[in-house]
Amino acid sequence: EIIDCNGKGSCQGGDVADVYEHAKKEGLVDEGCNNYKAINE
């Protein structure tokens, strides 16, 4: 979810503060709802 929705979409990194802000505003879903796939979409 965080990797899919952070706007980076690759191995270029990101900002941990964005993760906390997303979790605070949107909450996080169960891992079963959004399985991680190690691919660029």
PDB file of N, CA and C in Angstrom:
ATOM      1  N   GLU A   1       0.831  -1.200   0.000  1.00  0.00           N
ATOM      2  CA  GLU A   1       0.000   0.000   0.000  1.00  0.00           C
ATOM      3  C   GLU A   1       0.865   1.250   0.000  1.00  0.00           C
ATOM      4  N   ILE A   2       1.796   1.321   0.902  1.00  0.00           N
ATOM      5  CA  ILE A   2       2.661   2.503   0.972  1.00  0.00           C
ATOM      6  C   ILE A   2       3.525   2.592  -0.280  1.00  0.00           C
ATOM      7  N   ILE A   3       4.078   1.484  -0.703  1.00  0.00           N
ATOM      8  CA  ILE A   3       4.908   1.499  -1.906  1.00  0.00           C
ATOM      9  C   ILE A   3       4.069   1.832  -3.130  1.00  0.00           C
ATOM     10  N   ASP A   4       2.874   1.261  -3.224  1.00  0.00           N
ATOM     11  CA  ASP A   4       1.995   1.524  -4.365  1.00  0.00           C
ATOM     12  C   ASP A   4       1.501   2.964  -4.405  1.00  0.00           C
ATOM     13  N   CYS A   5       1.288   3.565  -3.272  1.00  0.00           N
ATOM     14  CA  CYS A   5       0.595   4.857  -3.213  1.00  0.00           C
ATOM     15  C   CYS A   5       1.482   6.046  -2.899  1.00  0.00           C
ATOM     16  N   ASN A   6       2.793   5.841  -2.829  1.00  0.00           N
ATOM     17  CA  ASN A   6       3.625   6.967  -2.412  1.00  0.00           C
ATOM     18  C   ASN A   6       4.070   7.865  -3.554  1.00  0.00           C
ATOM     19  N   GLY A   7       3.720   7.520  -4.793  1.00  0.00           N
ATOM     20  CA  GLY A   7       4.075   8.365  -5.921  1.00  0.00           C
ATOM     21  C   GLY A   7       5.471   8.150  -6.467  1.00  0.00           C
ATOM     22  N   LYS A   8       6.274   7.327  -5.808  1.00  0.00           N
ATOM     23  CA  LYS A   8       7.633   7.076  -6.285  1.00  0.00           C
ATOM     24  C   LYS A   8       7.629   5.953  -7.314  1.00  0.00           C
ATOM     25  N   GLY A   9       7.011   4.816  -7.003  1.00  0.00           N
ATOM     26  CA  GLY A   9       6.809   3.731  -7.948  1.00  0.00           C
ATOM     27  C   GLY A   9       8.047   2.994  -8.417  1.00  0.00           C
ATOM     28  N   SER A  10       9.175   3.167  -7.757  1.00  0.00           N
ATOM     29  CA  SER A  10      10.375   2.451  -8.163  1.00  0.00           C
ATOM     30  C   SER A  10      11.350   2.397  -6.991  1.00  0.00           C
ATOM     31  N   CYS A  11      12.591   2.107  -7.280  1.00  0.00           N
ATOM     32  CA  CYS A  11      13.616   2.012  -6.238  1.00  0.00           C
ATOM     33  C   CYS A  11      14.282   3.359  -5.971  1.00  0.00           C
ATOM     34  N   GLN A  12      13.657   4.446  -6.333  1.00  0.00           N
ATOM     35  CA  GLN A  12      14.246   5.770  -6.173  1.00  0.00           C
ATOM     36  C   GLN A  12      14.120   6.314  -4.755  1.00  0.00           C
ATOM     37  N   GLY A  13      13.529   5.555  -3.878  1.00  0.00           N
ATOM     38  CA  GLY A  13      13.431   5.988  -2.487  1.00  0.00           C
ATOM     39  C   GLY A  13      12.166   6.771  -2.210  1.00  0.00           C
ATOM     40  N   GLY A  14      12.107   7.351  -1.052  1.00  0.00           N
ATOM     41  CA  GLY A  14      10.940   8.101  -0.635  1.00  0.00           C
ATOM     42  C   GLY A  14      11.234   8.778   0.683  1.00  0.00           C
ATOM     43  N   ASP A  15      10.210   9.246   1.320  1.00  0.00           N
ATOM     44  CA  ASP A  15      10.357   9.979   2.569  1.00  0.00           C
ATOM     45  C   ASP A  15       9.520   9.286   3.632  1.00  0.00           C
ATOM     46  N   VAL A  16      10.155   8.848   4.709  1.00  0.00           N
ATOM     47  CA  VAL A  16       9.443   8.129   5.760  1.00  0.00           C
ATOM     48  C   VAL A  16       8.319   8.978   6.354  1.00  0.00           C
ATOM     49  N   ALA A  17       8.468  10.289   6.353  1.00  0.00           N
ATOM     50  CA  ALA A  17       7.410  11.161   6.875  1.00  0.00           C
ATOM     51  C   ALA A  17       6.123  10.999   6.074  1.00  0.00           C
ATOM     52  N   ASP A  18       6.244  10.726   4.767  1.00  0.00           N
ATOM     53  CA  ASP A  18       5.063  10.497   3.932  1.00  0.00           C
ATOM     54  C   ASP A  18       4.307   9.245   4.371  1.00  0.00           C
ATOM     55  N   VAL A  19       5.044   8.228   4.813  1.00  0.00           N
ATOM     56  CA  VAL A  19       4.419   6.991   5.297  1.00  0.00           C
ATOM     57  C   VAL A  19       3.570   7.281   6.527  1.00  0.00           C
ATOM     58  N   TYR A  20       4.131   8.003   7.470  1.00  0.00           N
ATOM     59  CA  TYR A  20       3.399   8.314   8.698  1.00  0.00           C
ATOM     60  C   TYR A  20       2.194   9.197   8.421  1.00  0.00           C
ATOM     61  N   GLU A  21       2.346  10.158   7.536  1.00  0.00           N
ATOM     62  CA  GLU A  21       1.239  11.053   7.199  1.00  0.00           C
ATOM     63  C   GLU A  21       0.109  10.281   6.526  1.00  0.00           C
ATOM     64  N   HIS A  22       0.449   9.376   5.613  1.00  0.00           N
ATOM     65  CA  HIS A  22      -0.557   8.549   4.943  1.00  0.00           C
ATOM     66  C   HIS A  22      -1.300   7.689   5.963  1.00  0.00           C
ATOM     67  N   ALA A  23      -0.557   7.022   6.846  1.00  0.00           N
ATOM     68  CA  ALA A  23      -1.177   6.157   7.852  1.00  0.00           C
ATOM     69  C   ALA A  23      -2.095   6.953   8.768  1.00  0.00           C
ATOM     70  N   LYS A  24      -1.684   8.145   9.124  1.00  0.00           N
ATOM     71  CA  LYS A  24      -2.485   8.995  10.008  1.00  0.00           C
ATOM     72  C   LYS A  24      -3.782   9.429   9.334  1.00  0.00           C
ATOM     73  N   LYS A  25      -3.685   9.846   8.079  1.00  0.00           N
ATOM     74  CA  LYS A  25      -4.855  10.358   7.360  1.00  0.00           C
ATOM     75  C   LYS A  25      -5.776   9.256   6.848  1.00  0.00           C
ATOM     76  N   GLU A  26      -5.193   8.199   6.273  1.00  0.00           N
ATOM     77  CA  GLU A  26      -5.969   7.189   5.556  1.00  0.00           C
ATOM     78  C   GLU A  26      -6.124   5.874   6.308  1.00  0.00           C
ATOM     79  N   GLY A  27      -5.251   5.621   7.271  1.00  0.00           N
ATOM     80  CA  GLY A  27      -5.223   4.310   7.903  1.00  0.00           C
ATOM     81  C   GLY A  27      -4.516   3.331   6.979  1.00  0.00           C
ATOM     82  N   LEU A  28      -4.307   2.130   7.452  1.00  0.00           N
ATOM     83  CA  LEU A  28      -3.657   1.100   6.650  1.00  0.00           C
ATOM     84  C   LEU A  28      -4.561  -0.116   6.552  1.00  0.00           C
ATOM     85  N   VAL A  29      -4.571  -0.749   5.393  1.00  0.00           N
ATOM     86  CA  VAL A  29      -5.387  -1.941   5.200  1.00  0.00           C
ATOM     87  C   VAL A  29      -4.590  -3.178   5.570  1.00  0.00           C
ATOM     88  N   ASP A  30      -5.291  -4.270   5.811  1.00  0.00           N
ATOM     89  CA  ASP A  30      -4.663  -5.552   6.078  1.00  0.00           C
ATOM     90  C   ASP A  30      -3.831  -5.979   4.868  1.00  0.00           C
ATOM     91  N   GLU A  31      -2.707  -6.610   5.098  1.00  0.00           N
ATOM     92  CA  GLU A  31      -1.822  -7.028   4.011  1.00  0.00           C
ATOM     93  C   GLU A  31      -2.537  -7.900   2.984  1.00  0.00           C
ATOM     94  N   GLY A  32      -3.511  -8.689   3.416  1.00  0.00           N
ATOM     95  CA  GLY A  32      -4.251  -9.558   2.509  1.00  0.00           C
ATOM     96  C   GLY A  32      -5.070  -8.800   1.480  1.00  0.00           C
ATOM     97  N   CYS A  33      -5.350  -7.536   1.736  1.00  0.00           N
ATOM     98  CA  CYS A  33      -6.142  -6.726   0.803  1.00  0.00           C
ATOM     99  C   CYS A  33      -5.303  -6.140  -0.323  1.00  0.00           C
ATOM    100  N   ASN A  34      -4.008  -6.069  -0.139  1.00  0.00           N
ATOM    101  CA  ASN A  34      -3.142  -5.431  -1.126  1.00  0.00           C
ATOM    102  C   ASN A  34      -1.782  -6.119  -1.091  1.00  0.00           C
ATOM    103  N   ASN A  35      -1.690  -7.291  -1.727  1.00  0.00           N
ATOM    104  CA  ASN A  35      -0.448  -8.061  -1.700  1.00  0.00           C
ATOM    105  C   ASN A  35       0.652  -7.354  -2.470  1.00  0.00           C
ATOM    106  N   TYR A  36       1.841  -7.308  -1.889  1.00  0.00           N
ATOM    107  CA  TYR A  36       2.995  -6.659  -2.519  1.00  0.00           C
ATOM    108  C   TYR A  36       3.467  -7.459  -3.718  1.00  0.00           C
ATOM    109  N   LYS A  37       3.719  -6.777  -4.825  1.00  0.00           N
ATOM    110  CA  LYS A  37       4.309  -7.379  -6.019  1.00  0.00           C
ATOM    111  C   LYS A  37       5.558  -6.573  -6.342  1.00  0.00           C
ATOM    112  N   ALA A  38       6.684  -7.224  -6.434  1.00  0.00           N
ATOM    113  CA  ALA A  38       7.954  -6.537  -6.673  1.00  0.00           C
ATOM    114  C   ALA A  38       8.126  -6.208  -8.158  1.00  0.00           C
ATOM    115  N   ILE A  39       7.240  -5.356  -8.682  1.00  0.00           N
ATOM    116  CA  ILE A  39       7.316  -4.926 -10.080  1.00  0.00           C
ATOM    117  C   ILE A  39       6.970  -3.446 -10.164  1.00  0.00           C
ATOM    118  N   ASN A  40       7.483  -2.776 -11.181  1.00  0.00           N
ATOM    119  CA  ASN A  40       7.074  -1.406 -11.464  1.00  0.00           C
ATOM    120  C   ASN A  40       5.814  -1.462 -12.309  1.00  0.00           C
ATOM    121  N   GLU A  41       4.798  -0.737 -11.899  1.00  0.00           N
ATOM    122  CA  GLU A  41       3.544  -0.743 -12.655  1.00  0.00           C
ATOM    123  C   GLU A  41       3.349   0.577 -13.352  1.00  0.00           C
TER     124      GLU A  41
END
